[in-house]
Amino acid sequence: MSEEIILAILAIVGGLITFLQKVLYNQGKANYDIIVKLIDRFNKSDARLENMADQLTEAADRRHEKIVDELNDMTDDLNFIKGRMNGKIS
């Protein structure tokens, strides 16, 4: 009878160990999935911020080009006026 009790206890302990292994494996897998989702979210956020920075840089470059073009036009006009004034004075 004592052998049967020992075998029953060993079976219970073995069952508990198997159960705990499954629970811990599933918990680890769930944590892994959550971590992967968080990393994906961070990567998407970084990509979105980089895209916004690129758009801002492009807009600033376009504004700079427009200002430079306008300044060049004004310089040309000023030089024309100076030339006309110099021509009439001489």
PDB file of N, CA and C in Angstrom:
ATOM      1  N   MET A   1       0.824  -1.193   0.000  1.00  0.00           N
ATOM      2  CA  MET A   1       0.000   0.000   0.000  1.00  0.00           C
ATOM      3  C   MET A   1       0.866   1.253   0.000  1.00  0.00           C
ATOM      4  N   SER A   2       1.990   1.254   0.633  1.00  0.00           N
ATOM      5  CA  SER A   2       2.842   2.416   0.678  1.00  0.00           C
ATOM      6  C   SER A   2       3.432   2.713  -0.704  1.00  0.00           C
ATOM      7  N   GLU A   3       3.649   1.655  -1.517  1.00  0.00           N
ATOM      8  CA  GLU A   3       4.142   1.873  -2.875  1.00  0.00           C
ATOM      9  C   GLU A   3       3.089   2.595  -3.707  1.00  0.00           C
ATOM     10  N   GLU A   4       1.856   2.256  -3.508  1.00  0.00           N
ATOM     11  CA  GLU A   4       0.774   2.910  -4.249  1.00  0.00           C
ATOM     12  C   GLU A   4       0.673   4.387  -3.873  1.00  0.00           C
ATOM     13  N   ILE A   5       0.871   4.687  -2.605  1.00  0.00           N
ATOM     14  CA  ILE A   5       0.807   6.076  -2.149  1.00  0.00           C
ATOM     15  C   ILE A   5       1.973   6.877  -2.746  1.00  0.00           C
ATOM     16  N   ILE A   6       3.156   6.257  -2.734  1.00  0.00           N
ATOM     17  CA  ILE A   6       4.333   6.923  -3.297  1.00  0.00           C
ATOM     18  C   ILE A   6       4.125   7.171  -4.787  1.00  0.00           C
ATOM     19  N   LEU A   7       3.608   6.177  -5.505  1.00  0.00           N
ATOM     20  CA  LEU A   7       3.347   6.345  -6.938  1.00  0.00           C
ATOM     21  C   LEU A   7       2.305   7.435  -7.176  1.00  0.00           C
ATOM     22  N   ALA A   8       1.273   7.496  -6.328  1.00  0.00           N
ATOM     23  CA  ALA A   8       0.243   8.519  -6.474  1.00  0.00           C
ATOM     24  C   ALA A   8       0.842   9.915  -6.242  1.00  0.00           C
ATOM     25  N   ILE A   9       1.686  10.022  -5.229  1.00  0.00           N
ATOM     26  CA  ILE A   9       2.326  11.307  -4.937  1.00  0.00           C
ATOM     27  C   ILE A   9       3.232  11.712  -6.100  1.00  0.00           C
ATOM     28  N   LEU A  10       4.015  10.765  -6.616  1.00  0.00           N
ATOM     29  CA  LEU A  10       4.883  11.049  -7.760  1.00  0.00           C
ATOM     30  C   LEU A  10       4.059  11.468  -8.980  1.00  0.00           C
ATOM     31  N   ALA A  11       2.931  10.837  -9.196  1.00  0.00           N
ATOM     32  CA  ALA A  11       2.065  11.195 -10.320  1.00  0.00           C
ATOM     33  C   ALA A  11       1.517  12.612 -10.143  1.00  0.00           C
ATOM     34  N   ILE A  12       1.122  12.932  -8.926  1.00  0.00           N
ATOM     35  CA  ILE A  12       0.599  14.277  -8.649  1.00  0.00           C
ATOM     36  C   ILE A  12       1.693  15.317  -8.862  1.00  0.00           C
ATOM     37  N   VAL A  13       2.891  15.050  -8.327  1.00  0.00           N
ATOM     38  CA  VAL A  13       4.009  15.986  -8.481  1.00  0.00           C
ATOM     39  C   VAL A  13       4.366  16.130  -9.964  1.00  0.00           C
ATOM     40  N   GLY A  14       4.408  15.024 -10.688  1.00  0.00           N
ATOM     41  CA  GLY A  14       4.704  15.076 -12.125  1.00  0.00           C
ATOM     42  C   GLY A  14       3.655  15.877 -12.872  1.00  0.00           C
ATOM     43  N   GLY A  15       2.400  15.681 -12.520  1.00  0.00           N
ATOM     44  CA  GLY A  15       1.319  16.446 -13.147  1.00  0.00           C
ATOM     45  C   GLY A  15       1.433  17.927 -12.844  1.00  0.00           C
ATOM     46  N   LEU A  16       1.770  18.257 -11.604  1.00  0.00           N
ATOM     47  CA  LEU A  16       1.948  19.661 -11.234  1.00  0.00           C
ATOM     48  C   LEU A  16       3.112  20.302 -11.989  1.00  0.00           C
ATOM     49  N   ILE A  17       4.213  19.564 -12.120  1.00  0.00           N
ATOM     50  CA  ILE A  17       5.365  20.086 -12.854  1.00  0.00           C
ATOM     51  C   ILE A  17       4.991  20.330 -14.306  1.00  0.00           C
ATOM     52  N   THR A  18       4.293  19.410 -14.928  1.00  0.00           N
ATOM     53  CA  THR A  18       3.857  19.567 -16.314  1.00  0.00           C
ATOM     54  C   THR A  18       2.921  20.763 -16.443  1.00  0.00           C
ATOM     55  N   PHE A  19       1.987  20.879 -15.519  1.00  0.00           N
ATOM     56  CA  PHE A  19       1.052  22.008 -15.530  1.00  0.00           C
ATOM     57  C   PHE A  19       1.789  23.333 -15.412  1.00  0.00           C
ATOM     58  N   LEU A  20       2.739  23.414 -14.461  1.00  0.00           N
ATOM     59  CA  LEU A  20       3.497  24.651 -14.274  1.00  0.00           C
ATOM     60  C   LEU A  20       4.344  24.981 -15.499  1.00  0.00           C
ATOM     61  N   GLN A  21       4.914  23.972 -16.143  1.00  0.00           N
ATOM     62  CA  GLN A  21       5.691  24.219 -17.358  1.00  0.00           C
ATOM     63  C   GLN A  21       4.810  24.832 -18.446  1.00  0.00           C
ATOM     64  N   LYS A  22       3.615  24.289 -18.611  1.00  0.00           N
ATOM     65  CA  LYS A  22       2.707  24.822 -19.630  1.00  0.00           C
ATOM     66  C   LYS A  22       2.286  26.253 -19.306  1.00  0.00           C
ATOM     67  N   VAL A  23       1.967  26.497 -18.037  1.00  0.00           N
ATOM     68  CA  VAL A  23       1.545  27.839 -17.637  1.00  0.00           C
ATOM     69  C   VAL A  23       2.685  28.842 -17.841  1.00  0.00           C
ATOM     70  N   LEU A  24       3.883  28.475 -17.405  1.00  0.00           N
ATOM     71  CA  LEU A  24       5.022  29.386 -17.552  1.00  0.00           C
ATOM     72  C   LEU A  24       5.363  29.603 -19.019  1.00  0.00           C
ATOM     73  N   TYR A  25       5.288  28.581 -19.837  1.00  0.00           N
ATOM     74  CA  TYR A  25       5.555  28.724 -21.268  1.00  0.00           C
ATOM     75  C   TYR A  25       4.537  29.669 -21.904  1.00  0.00           C
ATOM     76  N   ASN A  26       3.267  29.463 -21.586  1.00  0.00           N
ATOM     77  CA  ASN A  26       2.228  30.324 -22.155  1.00  0.00           C
ATOM     78  C   ASN A  26       2.383  31.771 -21.680  1.00  0.00           C
ATOM     79  N   GLN A  27       2.738  31.960 -20.409  1.00  0.00           N
ATOM     80  CA  GLN A  27       2.947  33.315 -19.891  1.00  0.00           C
ATOM     81  C   GLN A  27       4.145  33.964 -20.580  1.00  0.00           C
ATOM     82  N   GLY A  28       5.207  33.215 -20.758  1.00  0.00           N
ATOM     83  CA  GLY A  28       6.382  33.738 -21.463  1.00  0.00           C
ATOM     84  C   GLY A  28       6.057  34.098 -22.899  1.00  0.00           C
ATOM     85  N   LYS A  29       5.270  33.268 -23.561  1.00  0.00           N
ATOM     86  CA  LYS A  29       4.866  33.544 -24.943  1.00  0.00           C
ATOM     87  C   LYS A  29       4.000  34.798 -25.003  1.00  0.00           C
ATOM     88  N   ALA A  30       3.102  34.959 -24.050  1.00  0.00           N
ATOM     89  CA  ALA A  30       2.245  36.153 -24.016  1.00  0.00           C
ATOM     90  C   ALA A  30       3.095  37.405 -23.795  1.00  0.00           C
ATOM     91  N   ASN A  31       4.059  37.333 -22.884  1.00  0.00           N
ATOM     92  CA  ASN A  31       4.955  38.475 -22.647  1.00  0.00           C
ATOM     93  C   ASN A  31       5.764  38.793 -23.898  1.00  0.00           C
ATOM     94  N   TYR A  32       6.239  37.772 -24.582  1.00  0.00           N
ATOM     95  CA  TYR A  32       7.006  37.956 -25.813  1.00  0.00           C
ATOM     96  C   TYR A  32       6.154  38.674 -26.864  1.00  0.00           C
ATOM     97  N   ASP A  33       4.914  38.248 -27.030  1.00  0.00           N
ATOM     98  CA  ASP A  33       4.024  38.882 -27.999  1.00  0.00           C
ATOM     99  C   ASP A  33       3.782  40.351 -27.663  1.00  0.00           C
ATOM    100  N   ILE A  34       3.612  40.646 -26.376  1.00  0.00           N
ATOM    101  CA  ILE A  34       3.395  42.037 -25.952  1.00  0.00           C
ATOM    102  C   ILE A  34       4.636  42.870 -26.246  1.00  0.00           C
ATOM    103  N   ILE A  35       5.811  42.341 -25.963  1.00  0.00           N
ATOM    104  CA  ILE A  35       7.055  43.069 -26.205  1.00  0.00           C
ATOM    105  C   ILE A  35       7.240  43.336 -27.694  1.00  0.00           C
ATOM    106  N   VAL A  36       6.936  42.352 -28.528  1.00  0.00           N
ATOM    107  CA  VAL A  36       7.060  42.533 -29.977  1.00  0.00           C
ATOM    108  C   VAL A  36       6.106  43.630 -30.453  1.00  0.00           C
ATOM    109  N   LYS A  37       4.883  43.644 -29.922  1.00  0.00           N
ATOM    110  CA  LYS A  37       3.926  44.689 -30.311  1.00  0.00           C
ATOM    111  C   LYS A  37       4.405  46.068 -29.879  1.00  0.00           C
ATOM    112  N   LEU A  38       4.973  46.170 -28.679  1.00  0.00           N
ATOM    113  CA  LEU A  38       5.500  47.452 -28.211  1.00  0.00           C
ATOM    114  C   LEU A  38       6.652  47.941 -29.091  1.00  0.00           C
ATOM    115  N   ILE A  39       7.543  47.034 -29.461  1.00  0.00           N
ATOM    116  CA  ILE A  39       8.659  47.407 -30.335  1.00  0.00           C
ATOM    117  C   ILE A  39       8.137  47.884 -31.683  1.00  0.00           C
ATOM    118  N   ASP A  40       7.143  47.184 -32.230  1.00  0.00           N
ATOM    119  CA  ASP A  40       6.545  47.605 -33.504  1.00  0.00           C
ATOM    120  C   ASP A  40       5.930  48.994 -33.384  1.00  0.00           C
ATOM    121  N   ARG A  41       5.261  49.251 -32.274  1.00  0.00           N
ATOM    122  CA  ARG A  41       4.634  50.557 -32.061  1.00  0.00           C
ATOM    123  C   ARG A  41       5.697  51.654 -31.999  1.00  0.00           C
ATOM    124  N   PHE A  42       6.804  51.384 -31.281  1.00  0.00           N
ATOM    125  CA  PHE A  42       7.883  52.369 -31.209  1.00  0.00           C
ATOM    126  C   PHE A  42       8.476  52.620 -32.596  1.00  0.00           C
ATOM    127  N   ASN A  43       8.665  51.560 -33.366  1.00  0.00           N
ATOM    128  CA  ASN A  43       9.237  51.718 -34.703  1.00  0.00           C
ATOM    129  C   ASN A  43       8.318  52.539 -35.603  1.00  0.00           C
ATOM    130  N   LYS A  44       7.010  52.305 -35.521  1.00  0.00           N
ATOM    131  CA  LYS A  44       6.064  53.074 -36.322  1.00  0.00           C
ATOM    132  C   LYS A  44       6.077  54.533 -35.892  1.00  0.00           C
ATOM    133  N   SER A  45       6.161  54.770 -34.585  1.00  0.00           N
ATOM    134  CA  SER A  45       6.199  56.137 -34.077  1.00  0.00           C
ATOM    135  C   SER A  45       7.453  56.850 -34.567  1.00  0.00           C
ATOM    136  N   ASP A  46       8.599  56.157 -34.513  1.00  0.00           N
ATOM    137  CA  ASP A  46       9.847  56.746 -34.996  1.00  0.00           C
ATOM    138  C   ASP A  46       9.764  57.066 -36.476  1.00  0.00           C
ATOM    139  N   ALA A  47       9.200  56.153 -37.251  1.00  0.00           N
ATOM    140  CA  ALA A  47       9.074  56.376 -38.695  1.00  0.00           C
ATOM    141  C   ALA A  47       8.163  57.573 -38.966  1.00  0.00           C
ATOM    142  N   ARG A  48       7.088  57.692 -38.211  1.00  0.00           N
ATOM    143  CA  ARG A  48       6.164  58.814 -38.401  1.00  0.00           C
ATOM    144  C   ARG A  48       6.857  60.136 -38.076  1.00  0.00           C
ATOM    145  N   LEU A  49       7.631  60.169 -36.982  1.00  0.00           N
ATOM    146  CA  LEU A  49       8.350  61.387 -36.608  1.00  0.00           C
ATOM    147  C   LEU A  49       9.412  61.754 -37.647  1.00  0.00           C
ATOM    148  N   GLU A  50      10.096  60.759 -38.176  1.00  0.00           N
ATOM    149  CA  GLU A  50      11.094  61.021 -39.216  1.00  0.00           C
ATOM    150  C   GLU A  50      10.430  61.569 -40.469  1.00  0.00           C
ATOM    151  N   ASN A  51       9.268  61.028 -40.816  1.00  0.00           N
ATOM    152  CA  ASN A  51       8.526  61.514 -41.975  1.00  0.00           C
ATOM    153  C   ASN A  51       8.104  62.969 -41.778  1.00  0.00           C
ATOM    154  N   MET A  52       7.620  63.290 -40.571  1.00  0.00           N
ATOM    155  CA  MET A  52       7.223  64.663 -40.282  1.00  0.00           C
ATOM    156  C   MET A  52       8.430  65.603 -40.359  1.00  0.00           C
ATOM    157  N   ALA A  53       9.571  65.164 -39.842  1.00  0.00           N
ATOM    158  CA  ALA A  53      10.784  65.991 -39.890  1.00  0.00           C
ATOM    159  C   ALA A  53      11.216  66.222 -41.337  1.00  0.00           C
ATOM    160  N   ASP A  54      11.126  65.180 -42.158  1.00  0.00           N
ATOM    161  CA  ASP A  54      11.472  65.325 -43.571  1.00  0.00           C
ATOM    162  C   ASP A  54      10.550  66.317 -44.267  1.00  0.00           C
ATOM    163  N   GLN A  55       9.257  66.248 -43.967  1.00  0.00           N
ATOM    164  CA  GLN A  55       8.304  67.172 -44.572  1.00  0.00           C
ATOM    165  C   GLN A  55       8.586  68.611 -44.148  1.00  0.00           C
ATOM    166  N   LEU A  56       8.904  68.810 -42.876  1.00  0.00           N
ATOM    167  CA  LEU A  56       9.229  70.155 -42.398  1.00  0.00           C
ATOM    168  C   LEU A  56      10.498  70.683 -43.066  1.00  0.00           C
ATOM    169  N   THR A  57      11.484  69.827 -43.221  1.00  0.00           N
ATOM    170  CA  THR A  57      12.727  70.236 -43.868  1.00  0.00           C
ATOM    171  C   THR A  57      12.476  70.616 -45.326  1.00  0.00           C
ATOM    172  N   GLU A  58      11.670  69.819 -46.016  1.00  0.00           N
ATOM    173  CA  GLU A  58      11.356  70.125 -47.409  1.00  0.00           C
ATOM    174  C   GLU A  58      10.607  71.447 -47.517  1.00  0.00           C
ATOM    175  N   ALA A  59       9.671  71.689 -46.620  1.00  0.00           N
ATOM    176  CA  ALA A  59       8.916  72.945 -46.647  1.00  0.00           C
ATOM    177  C   ALA A  59       9.848  74.123 -46.376  1.00  0.00           C
ATOM    178  N   ALA A  60      10.763  73.974 -45.426  1.00  0.00           N
ATOM    179  CA  ALA A  60      11.718  75.050 -45.128  1.00  0.00           C
ATOM    180  C   ALA A  60      12.624  75.305 -46.326  1.00  0.00           C
ATOM    181  N   ASP A  61      13.046  74.242 -46.994  1.00  0.00           N
ATOM    182  CA  ASP A  61      13.885  74.409 -48.186  1.00  0.00           C
ATOM    183  C   ASP A  61      13.144  75.160 -49.289  1.00  0.00           C
ATOM    184  N   ARG A  62      11.872  74.813 -49.483  1.00  0.00           N
ATOM    185  CA  ARG A  62      11.075  75.511 -50.507  1.00  0.00           C
ATOM    186  C   ARG A  62      10.922  76.986 -50.157  1.00  0.00           C
ATOM    187  N   ARG A  63      10.644  77.297 -48.897  1.00  0.00           N
ATOM    188  CA  ARG A  63      10.530  78.704 -48.485  1.00  0.00           C
ATOM    189  C   ARG A  63      11.840  79.439 -48.699  1.00  0.00           C
ATOM    190  N   HIS A  64      12.942  78.801 -48.358  1.00  0.00           N
ATOM    191  CA  HIS A  64      14.251  79.420 -48.539  1.00  0.00           C
ATOM    192  C   HIS A  64      14.498  79.721 -50.016  1.00  0.00           C
ATOM    193  N   GLU A  65      14.196  78.771 -50.881  1.00  0.00           N
ATOM    194  CA  GLU A  65      14.385  78.983 -52.320  1.00  0.00           C
ATOM    195  C   GLU A  65      13.526  80.134 -52.827  1.00  0.00           C
ATOM    196  N   LYS A  66      12.293  80.223 -52.363  1.00  0.00           N
ATOM    197  CA  LYS A  66      11.411  81.319 -52.786  1.00  0.00           C
ATOM    198  C   LYS A  66      11.965  82.667 -52.334  1.00  0.00           C
ATOM    199  N   ILE A  67      12.456  82.722 -51.108  1.00  0.00           N
ATOM    200  CA  ILE A  67      13.008  83.976 -50.587  1.00  0.00           C
ATOM    201  C   ILE A  67      14.254  84.369 -51.373  1.00  0.00           C
ATOM    202  N   VAL A  68      15.120  83.407 -51.655  1.00  0.00           N
ATOM    203  CA  VAL A  68      16.331  83.688 -52.418  1.00  0.00           C
ATOM    204  C   VAL A  68      15.962  84.169 -53.823  1.00  0.00           C
ATOM    205  N   ASP A  69      14.989  83.535 -54.460  1.00  0.00           N
ATOM    206  CA  ASP A  69      14.546  83.964 -55.791  1.00  0.00           C
ATOM    207  C   ASP A  69      14.007  85.389 -55.745  1.00  0.00           C
ATOM    208  N   GLU A  70      13.198  85.684 -54.752  1.00  0.00           N
ATOM    209  CA  GLU A  70      12.631  87.030 -54.621  1.00  0.00           C
ATOM    210  C   GLU A  70      13.733  88.054 -54.366  1.00  0.00           C
ATOM    211  N   LEU A  71      14.692  87.715 -53.540  1.00  0.00           N
ATOM    212  CA  LEU A  71      15.811  88.618 -53.268  1.00  0.00           C
ATOM    213  C   LEU A  71      16.633  88.854 -54.534  1.00  0.00           C
ATOM    214  N   ASN A  72      16.854  87.828 -55.311  1.00  0.00           N
ATOM    215  CA  ASN A  72      17.576  87.975 -56.581  1.00  0.00           C
ATOM    216  C   ASN A  72      16.818  88.898 -57.538  1.00  0.00           C
ATOM    217  N   ASP A  73      15.493  88.727 -57.610  1.00  0.00           N
ATOM    218  CA  ASP A  73      14.680  89.595 -58.471  1.00  0.00           C
ATOM    219  C   ASP A  73      14.778  91.046 -58.013  1.00  0.00           C
ATOM    220  N   MET A  74      14.711  91.260 -56.698  1.00  0.00           N
ATOM    221  CA  MET A  74      14.798  92.628 -56.178  1.00  0.00           C
ATOM    222  C   MET A  74      16.181  93.219 -56.440  1.00  0.00           C
ATOM    223  N   THR A  75      17.212  92.400 -56.329  1.00  0.00           N
ATOM    224  CA  THR A  75      18.571  92.868 -56.607  1.00  0.00           C
ATOM    225  C   THR A  75      18.706  93.263 -58.072  1.00  0.00           C
ATOM    226  N   ASP A  76      18.139  92.447 -58.961  1.00  0.00           N
ATOM    227  CA  ASP A  76      18.161  92.777 -60.392  1.00  0.00           C
ATOM    228  C   ASP A  76      17.441  94.098 -60.656  1.00  0.00           C
ATOM    229  N   ASP A  77      16.271  94.262 -60.045  1.00  0.00           N
ATOM    230  CA  ASP A  77      15.521  95.511 -60.220  1.00  0.00           C
ATOM    231  C   ASP A  77      16.317  96.709 -59.694  1.00  0.00           C
ATOM    232  N   LEU A  78      16.936  96.561 -58.551  1.00  0.00           N
ATOM    233  CA  LEU A  78      17.728  97.642 -57.960  1.00  0.00           C
ATOM    234  C   LEU A  78      18.911  97.997 -58.854  1.00  0.00           C
ATOM    235  N   ASN A  79      19.576  96.980 -59.383  1.00  0.00           N
ATOM    236  CA  ASN A  79      20.706  97.232 -60.278  1.00  0.00           C
ATOM    237  C   ASN A  79      20.233  97.931 -61.550  1.00  0.00           C
ATOM    238  N   PHE A  80      19.073  97.571 -62.052  1.00  0.00           N
ATOM    239  CA  PHE A  80      18.513  98.218 -63.237  1.00  0.00           C
ATOM    240  C   PHE A  80      18.260  99.698 -62.954  1.00  0.00           C
ATOM    241  N   ILE A  81      17.637  99.953 -61.808  1.00  0.00           N
ATOM    242  CA  ILE A  81      17.346 101.351 -61.437  1.00  0.00           C
ATOM    243  C   ILE A  81      18.640 102.133 -61.262  1.00  0.00           C
ATOM    244  N   LYS A  82      19.635 101.543 -60.606  1.00  0.00           N
ATOM    245  CA  LYS A  82      20.932 102.211 -60.427  1.00  0.00           C
ATOM    246  C   LYS A  82      21.570 102.486 -61.782  1.00  0.00           C
ATOM    247  N   GLY A  83      21.469 101.560 -62.682  1.00  0.00           N
ATOM    248  CA  GLY A  83      22.032 101.741 -64.026  1.00  0.00           C
ATOM    249  C   GLY A  83      21.343 102.874 -64.760  1.00  0.00           C
ATOM    250  N   ARG A  84      20.035 102.943 -64.637  1.00  0.00           N
ATOM    251  CA  ARG A  84      19.270 104.023 -65.287  1.00  0.00           C
ATOM    252  C   ARG A  84      19.665 105.373 -64.705  1.00  0.00           C
ATOM    253  N   MET A  85      19.823 105.390 -63.363  1.00  0.00           N
ATOM    254  CA  MET A  85      20.180 106.653 -62.700  1.00  0.00           C
ATOM    255  C   MET A  85      21.588 107.090 -63.116  1.00  0.00           C
ATOM    256  N   ASN A  86      22.510 106.147 -63.201  1.00  0.00           N
ATOM    257  CA  ASN A  86      23.876 106.459 -63.597  1.00  0.00           C
ATOM    258  C   ASN A  86      23.914 106.917 -65.043  1.00  0.00           C
ATOM    259  N   GLY A  87      23.061 106.364 -65.875  1.00  0.00           N
ATOM    260  CA  GLY A  87      23.030 106.734 -67.287  1.00  0.00           C
ATOM    261  C   GLY A  87      22.512 108.136 -67.477  1.00  0.00           C
ATOM    262  N   LYS A  88      21.554 108.577 -66.692  1.00  0.00           N
ATOM    263  CA  LYS A  88      20.962 109.901 -66.837  1.00  0.00           C
ATOM    264  C   LYS A  88      21.865 110.965 -66.242  1.00  0.00           C
ATOM    265  N   ILE A  89      22.594 110.615 -65.180  1.00  0.00           N
ATOM    266  CA  ILE A  89      23.432 111.590 -64.511  1.00  0.00           C
ATOM    267  C   ILE A  89      24.663 111.893 -65.370  1.00  0.00           C
ATOM    268  N   SER A  90      25.212 110.892 -66.028  1.00  0.00           N
ATOM    269  CA  SER A  90      26.441 111.109 -66.799  1.00  0.00           C
ATOM    270  C   SER A  90      26.230 111.931 -67.975  1.00  0.00           C
TER     271      SER A  90
END
